[in-house]
């Protein structure tokens, strides 16, 4: 299972490369926090390990690796979560 430290580091790195607030358009918010919450939600629901969480066109695209049952291989699942 992915550590909360990795999730926090991913969100922080996304915010690090965002333009300064004065350069953003009015009403536009950073998506890092929204995708961080979406990633936590998907991990909790699937029991998987976070591979990526990226904002795209108003949704967070979260990809997780879900362990297989018994000797089955893990599955890669991509979930689209609307940004809030």
Protein backbone atom coordinates (compact mmCIF):
# COMPACT_ATOMS: atom_id res chain seq x y z
CA UNK A 1 0.00 0.00 0.00
CA UNK A 2 1.26 3.48 -0.83
CA UNK A 3 2.57 5.51 2.03
CA UNK A 4 0.88 8.82 2.88
CA UNK A 5 4.34 10.37 2.54
CA UNK A 6 4.45 9.44 -1.16
CA UNK A 7 0.98 10.90 -1.70
CA UNK A 8 1.96 14.12 0.08
CA UNK A 9 5.21 14.35 -1.88
CA UNK A 10 3.35 13.91 -5.17
CA UNK A 11 0.86 16.64 -4.28
CA UNK A 12 3.65 18.95 -3.10
CA UNK A 13 5.65 18.45 -6.30
CA UNK A 14 2.57 19.26 -8.37
CA UNK A 15 2.10 22.51 -6.45
CA UNK A 16 5.81 23.32 -6.69
CA UNK A 17 5.71 23.67 -10.47
CA UNK A 18 2.47 25.67 -10.61
CA UNK A 19 2.63 29.27 -11.76
CA UNK A 20 2.62 31.97 -9.06
CA UNK A 21 -0.83 33.12 -7.94
CA UNK A 22 -0.45 36.51 -9.63
CA UNK A 23 0.17 34.81 -13.01
CA UNK A 24 -2.95 32.62 -12.86
CA UNK A 25 -6.29 33.52 -14.39
CA UNK A 26 -8.98 34.68 -11.95
CA UNK A 27 -11.06 31.76 -10.65
CA UNK A 28 -8.45 29.13 -11.58
CA UNK A 29 -7.34 27.00 -8.65
CA UNK A 30 -4.51 24.52 -8.26
CA UNK A 31 -5.56 20.92 -8.73
CA UNK A 32 -2.87 19.24 -6.62
CA UNK A 33 -4.95 19.13 -3.44
CA UNK A 34 -8.01 17.92 -5.33
CA UNK A 35 -6.08 15.06 -6.95
CA UNK A 36 -4.47 14.20 -3.64
CA UNK A 37 -7.91 13.74 -2.09
CA UNK A 38 -9.06 11.76 -5.13
CA UNK A 39 -5.99 9.53 -4.89
CA UNK A 40 -6.66 8.83 -1.20
CA UNK A 41 -10.28 8.00 -2.02
CA UNK A 42 -9.38 5.57 -4.82
CA UNK A 43 -6.69 3.89 -2.69
CA UNK A 44 -9.15 3.45 0.18
CA UNK A 45 -11.82 2.00 -2.13
CA UNK A 46 -9.56 -0.38 -4.06
CA UNK A 47 -6.86 -1.26 -1.52
CA UNK A 48 -4.38 -0.59 -4.32
CA UNK A 49 -1.02 1.16 -4.55
CA UNK A 50 -0.86 4.61 -6.15
CA UNK A 51 0.92 4.76 -9.50
CA UNK A 52 -0.13 8.27 -10.56
CA UNK A 53 -2.67 11.05 -10.01
CA UNK A 54 -2.95 13.77 -12.64
CA UNK A 55 -5.43 16.59 -13.25
CA UNK A 56 -6.90 16.61 -16.78
CA UNK A 57 -9.82 18.64 -18.12
CA UNK A 58 -11.65 18.98 -14.82
CA UNK A 59 -11.08 15.41 -13.60
CA UNK A 60 -8.33 13.68 -11.67
CA UNK A 61 -7.03 10.61 -13.46
CA UNK A 62 -5.88 8.23 -10.74
CA UNK A 63 -4.05 5.00 -11.61
CA UNK A 64 -3.55 2.31 -8.97
CA UNK A 65 -2.10 -1.19 -8.89
CA UNK A 66 -4.55 -3.55 -7.17
CA UNK A 67 -3.14 -6.79 -5.73
CA UNK A 68 -4.43 -10.00 -7.26
CA UNK A 69 -6.11 -12.71 -5.23
CA UNK A 70 -3.97 -15.72 -4.41
CA UNK A 71 -1.36 -16.17 -7.13
CA UNK A 72 -3.13 -13.85 -9.60
CA UNK A 73 -1.17 -10.95 -11.02
CA UNK A 74 -1.94 -7.42 -9.82
CA UNK A 75 -4.26 -5.32 -12.00
CA UNK A 76 -3.68 -1.74 -13.09
CA UNK A 77 -6.88 0.31 -12.72
CA UNK A 78 -7.45 3.88 -13.88
CA UNK A 79 -10.27 5.87 -12.26
CA UNK A 80 -11.50 9.32 -13.28
CA UNK A 81 -12.71 11.40 -10.32
CA UNK A 82 -14.40 14.79 -10.96
CA UNK A 83 -12.47 17.68 -9.41
CA UNK A 84 -14.27 19.57 -6.68
